[in-house]
Amino acid sequence: MLPEHGRLFKYDCLAINVIVNNKDGGINSCDISYTDDLEQFCSDYLTLTQATRTSCQSSFVDDAMVIGTSAMVTTELDSIVNQYTDQFCNPMVMWGRYRKGWLKTTLPISFQFHHVQMDGGHAARFLEELQKTINTI
């Protein structure tokens, strides 16, 4: 059961959406139909994301409820939030108290942005540049 237009609907088909870095340095959307067969899903995932990467064309599953995902594997973070609101449209970086460990001190941050302004890859690059700046202090 998934919400849509203020009601709960049971869908016959589900799909998982991933964002793919394409060969030209941009991004494309890629929907992968869900299946309980993990090996089949893995095969579909690899085939479809590679096709999206090389074609630079987004692919969609129109007759399914699509569940979006984001993986920020190029940066370390505690939290990242996409805002879907017309208020607070500017990106925000927030932090609290730093954490002293035995061999290092860390400052976890929360980076909040409106998805219309940037994608996860852009957010990760921003956070990496922020880390480089902090490392020079």
C-alpha atoms as a PDB file:
ATOM      1  CA  MET A   1       0.000   0.000   0.000  1.00  0.00           C
ATOM      2  CA  LEU A   2       1.443   3.350  -1.059  1.00  0.00           C
ATOM      3  CA  PRO A   3       0.038   6.877  -0.747  1.00  0.00           C
ATOM      4  CA  GLU A   4      -1.103   8.847  -3.761  1.00  0.00           C
ATOM      5  CA  HIS A   5      -3.444  11.862  -3.890  1.00  0.00           C
ATOM      6  CA  GLY A   6      -4.299  11.526  -0.168  1.00  0.00           C
ATOM      7  CA  ARG A   7      -5.359   7.870  -0.406  1.00  0.00           C
ATOM      8  CA  LEU A   8      -3.650   4.492  -0.078  1.00  0.00           C
ATOM      9  CA  PHE A   9      -3.406   2.360  -3.204  1.00  0.00           C
ATOM     10  CA  LYS A  10      -2.281  -1.203  -3.716  1.00  0.00           C
ATOM     11  CA  TYR A  11      -0.221  -1.416  -6.885  1.00  0.00           C
ATOM     12  CA  ASP A  12       0.200  -4.489  -9.050  1.00  0.00           C
ATOM     13  CA  CYS A  13       3.707  -3.398 -10.069  1.00  0.00           C
ATOM     14  CA  LEU A  14       6.508  -1.608  -8.277  1.00  0.00           C
ATOM     15  CA  ALA A  15       9.685  -0.135  -9.714  1.00  0.00           C
ATOM     16  CA  ILE A  16      12.826   1.232  -8.115  1.00  0.00           C
ATOM     17  CA  ASN A  17      14.253   4.469  -9.490  1.00  0.00           C
ATOM     18  CA  VAL A  18      17.984   5.126  -9.487  1.00  0.00           C
ATOM     19  CA  ILE A  19      19.945   8.088 -10.785  1.00  0.00           C
ATOM     20  CA  VAL A  20      22.719   7.076 -13.177  1.00  0.00           C
ATOM     21  CA  ASN A  21      25.845   9.084 -13.965  1.00  0.00           C
ATOM     22  CA  ASN A  22      25.981   8.996 -17.764  1.00  0.00           C
ATOM     23  CA  LYS A  23      29.053   8.795 -19.988  1.00  0.00           C
ATOM     24  CA  ASP A  24      28.823  12.504 -20.841  1.00  0.00           C
ATOM     25  CA  GLY A  25      29.078  13.600 -17.185  1.00  0.00           C
ATOM     26  CA  GLY A  26      25.364  14.258 -16.716  1.00  0.00           C
ATOM     27  CA  ILE A  27      22.703  12.231 -14.968  1.00  0.00           C
ATOM     28  CA  ASN A  28      19.695  10.233 -16.107  1.00  0.00           C
ATOM     29  CA  SER A  29      16.806   8.535 -14.374  1.00  0.00           C
ATOM     30  CA  CYS A  30      16.443   4.752 -14.646  1.00  0.00           C
ATOM     31  CA  ASP A  31      13.421   2.767 -13.420  1.00  0.00           C
ATOM     32  CA  ILE A  32      13.901  -0.938 -12.700  1.00  0.00           C
ATOM     33  CA  SER A  33      10.852  -3.158 -12.295  1.00  0.00           C
ATOM     34  CA  TYR A  34      10.763  -4.827  -8.897  1.00  0.00           C
ATOM     35  CA  THR A  35      10.868  -8.594  -8.594  1.00  0.00           C
ATOM     36  CA  ASP A  36      11.182 -10.912  -5.579  1.00  0.00           C
ATOM     37  CA  ASP A  37      13.880 -12.787  -7.521  1.00  0.00           C
ATOM     38  CA  LEU A  38      17.048 -11.019  -6.330  1.00  0.00           C
ATOM     39  CA  GLU A  39      19.234 -12.508  -9.087  1.00  0.00           C
ATOM     40  CA  GLN A  40      16.782 -11.309 -11.755  1.00  0.00           C
ATOM     41  CA  PHE A  41      16.581  -7.858 -10.166  1.00  0.00           C
ATOM     42  CA  CYS A  42      20.385  -7.660 -10.068  1.00  0.00           C
ATOM     43  CA  SER A  43      20.596  -8.666 -13.733  1.00  0.00           C
ATOM     44  CA  ASP A  44      17.930  -6.120 -14.708  1.00  0.00           C
ATOM     45  CA  TYR A  45      19.678  -3.447 -12.618  1.00  0.00           C
ATOM     46  CA  LEU A  46      23.049  -4.010 -14.268  1.00  0.00           C
ATOM     47  CA  THR A  47      21.610  -4.190 -17.792  1.00  0.00           C
ATOM     48  CA  LEU A  48      19.333  -1.147 -17.490  1.00  0.00           C
ATOM     49  CA  THR A  49      21.772   1.134 -15.661  1.00  0.00           C
ATOM     50  CA  GLN A  50      24.534   0.330 -18.175  1.00  0.00           C
ATOM     51  CA  ALA A  51      22.164   1.067 -21.076  1.00  0.00           C
ATOM     52  CA  THR A  52      21.170   4.358 -19.420  1.00  0.00           C
ATOM     53  CA  ARG A  53      24.814   5.250 -18.781  1.00  0.00           C
ATOM     54  CA  THR A  54      25.859   4.714 -22.398  1.00  0.00           C
ATOM     55  CA  SER A  55      22.724   6.100 -24.120  1.00  0.00           C
ATOM     56  CA  CYS A  56      22.402   9.187 -21.879  1.00  0.00           C
ATOM     57  CA  GLN A  57      18.624   8.601 -22.039  1.00  0.00           C
ATOM     58  CA  SER A  58      16.314   8.216 -19.054  1.00  0.00           C
ATOM     59  CA  SER A  59      14.093   5.129 -18.909  1.00  0.00           C
ATOM     60  CA  PHE A  60      10.778   4.902 -17.082  1.00  0.00           C
ATOM     61  CA  VAL A  61       8.297   2.214 -16.064  1.00  0.00           C
ATOM     62  CA  ASP A  62       4.952   3.930 -16.649  1.00  0.00           C
ATOM     63  CA  ASP A  63       2.542   1.350 -15.237  1.00  0.00           C
ATOM     64  CA  ALA A  64       4.126   0.980 -11.787  1.00  0.00           C
ATOM     65  CA  MET A  65       4.427   2.840  -8.501  1.00  0.00           C
ATOM     66  CA  VAL A  66       8.013   4.065  -8.602  1.00  0.00           C
ATOM     67  CA  ILE A  67      10.044   4.340  -5.387  1.00  0.00           C
ATOM     68  CA  GLY A  68      12.990   6.740  -5.606  1.00  0.00           C
ATOM     69  CA  THR A  69      16.412   6.033  -4.120  1.00  0.00           C
ATOM     70  CA  SER A  70      19.652   7.948  -3.656  1.00  0.00           C
ATOM     71  CA  ALA A  71      23.071   6.577  -2.816  1.00  0.00           C
ATOM     72  CA  MET A  72      25.809   9.048  -1.914  1.00  0.00           C
ATOM     73  CA  VAL A  73      28.706   6.620  -2.076  1.00  0.00           C
ATOM     74  CA  THR A  74      31.321   9.275  -2.856  1.00  0.00           C
ATOM     75  CA  THR A  75      31.069  11.121   0.465  1.00  0.00           C
ATOM     76  CA  GLU A  76      30.623  10.393   4.168  1.00  0.00           C
ATOM     77  CA  LEU A  77      27.578  11.890   5.886  1.00  0.00           C
ATOM     78  CA  ASP A  78      25.130  11.312   8.716  1.00  0.00           C
ATOM     79  CA  SER A  79      22.057  12.752   7.027  1.00  0.00           C
ATOM     80  CA  ILE A  80      20.960  14.300   3.750  1.00  0.00           C
ATOM     81  CA  VAL A  81      17.437  15.480   3.017  1.00  0.00           C
ATOM     82  CA  ASN A  82      15.627  16.440  -0.175  1.00  0.00           C
ATOM     83  CA  GLN A  83      12.958  19.068   0.480  1.00  0.00           C
ATOM     84  CA  TYR A  84       9.778  18.937  -1.527  1.00  0.00           C
ATOM     85  CA  THR A  85       8.321  22.302  -0.579  1.00  0.00           C
ATOM     86  CA  ASP A  86       8.146  25.740  -2.144  1.00  0.00           C
ATOM     87  CA  GLN A  87       9.356  27.277   1.126  1.00  0.00           C
ATOM     88  CA  PHE A  88      12.973  27.211   2.294  1.00  0.00           C
ATOM     89  CA  CYS A  89      14.222  26.699  -1.267  1.00  0.00           C
ATOM     90  CA  ASN A  90      17.833  27.646  -0.509  1.00  0.00           C
ATOM     91  CA  PRO A  91      20.260  24.843   0.322  1.00  0.00           C
ATOM     92  CA  MET A  92      21.115  24.678   4.029  1.00  0.00           C
ATOM     93  CA  VAL A  93      24.082  23.209   5.880  1.00  0.00           C
ATOM     94  CA  MET A  94      23.528  22.589   9.582  1.00  0.00           C
ATOM     95  CA  TRP A  95      25.735  21.228  12.298  1.00  0.00           C
ATOM     96  CA  GLY A  96      25.780  20.891  16.038  1.00  0.00           C
ATOM     97  CA  ARG A  97      28.466  19.940  18.485  1.00  0.00           C
ATOM     98  CA  TYR A  98      31.675  18.375  17.260  1.00  0.00           C
ATOM     99  CA  ARG A  99      32.528  14.858  18.467  1.00  0.00           C
ATOM    100  CA  LYS A 100      35.893  14.155  20.070  1.00  0.00           C
ATOM    101  CA  GLY A 101      37.071  10.615  19.631  1.00  0.00           C
ATOM    102  CA  TRP A 102      40.218   8.927  20.791  1.00  0.00           C
ATOM    103  CA  LEU A 103      42.220   9.670  17.637  1.00  0.00           C
ATOM    104  CA  LYS A 104      40.050  12.145  15.759  1.00  0.00           C
ATOM    105  CA  THR A 105      37.471  14.898  16.054  1.00  0.00           C
ATOM    106  CA  THR A 106      34.422  14.892  13.769  1.00  0.00           C
ATOM    107  CA  LEU A 107      31.723  17.418  12.962  1.00  0.00           C
ATOM    108  CA  PRO A 108      28.641  15.681  11.520  1.00  0.00           C
ATOM    109  CA  ILE A 109      26.526  17.933   9.350  1.00  0.00           C
ATOM    110  CA  SER A 110      23.092  17.851   7.786  1.00  0.00           C
ATOM    111  CA  PHE A 111      22.851  19.186   4.260  1.00  0.00           C
ATOM    112  CA  GLN A 112      19.354  20.041   3.104  1.00  0.00           C
ATOM    113  CA  PHE A 113      18.483  21.090  -0.444  1.00  0.00           C
ATOM    114  CA  HIS A 114      15.587  21.322  -2.854  1.00  0.00           C
ATOM    115  CA  HIS A 115      15.889  18.619  -5.495  1.00  0.00           C
ATOM    116  CA  VAL A 116      14.986  21.123  -8.220  1.00  0.00           C
ATOM    117  CA  GLN A 117      18.274  22.913  -7.536  1.00  0.00           C
ATOM    118  CA  MET A 118      20.651  19.956  -7.568  1.00  0.00           C
ATOM    119  CA  ASP A 119      20.961  16.202  -7.626  1.00  0.00           C
ATOM    120  CA  GLY A 120      22.686  13.968  -5.116  1.00  0.00           C
ATOM    121  CA  GLY A 121      25.901  13.916  -7.131  1.00  0.00           C
ATOM    122  CA  HIS A 122      26.078  17.707  -7.025  1.00  0.00           C
ATOM    123  CA  ALA A 123      25.421  17.615  -3.279  1.00  0.00           C
ATOM    124  CA  ALA A 124      28.219  15.080  -2.782  1.00  0.00           C
ATOM    125  CA  ARG A 125      30.664  17.256  -4.756  1.00  0.00           C
ATOM    126  CA  PHE A 126      29.708  20.272  -2.618  1.00  0.00           C
ATOM    127  CA  LEU A 127      30.299  18.280   0.562  1.00  0.00           C
ATOM    128  CA  GLU A 128      33.668  17.058  -0.704  1.00  0.00           C
ATOM    129  CA  GLU A 129      34.728  20.664  -1.418  1.00  0.00           C
ATOM    130  CA  LEU A 130      33.526  21.677   2.046  1.00  0.00           C
ATOM    131  CA  GLN A 131      35.636  18.875   3.546  1.00  0.00           C
ATOM    132  CA  LYS A 132      38.718  20.010   1.588  1.00  0.00           C
ATOM    133  CA  THR A 133      38.223  23.548   2.934  1.00  0.00           C
ATOM    134  CA  ILE A 134      37.829  22.292   6.516  1.00  0.00           C
ATOM    135  CA  ASN A 135      40.997  20.202   6.120  1.00  0.00           C
ATOM    136  CA  THR A 136      43.008  23.385   5.406  1.00  0.00           C
ATOM    137  CA  ILE A 137      42.000  24.997   8.722  1.00  0.00           C
END
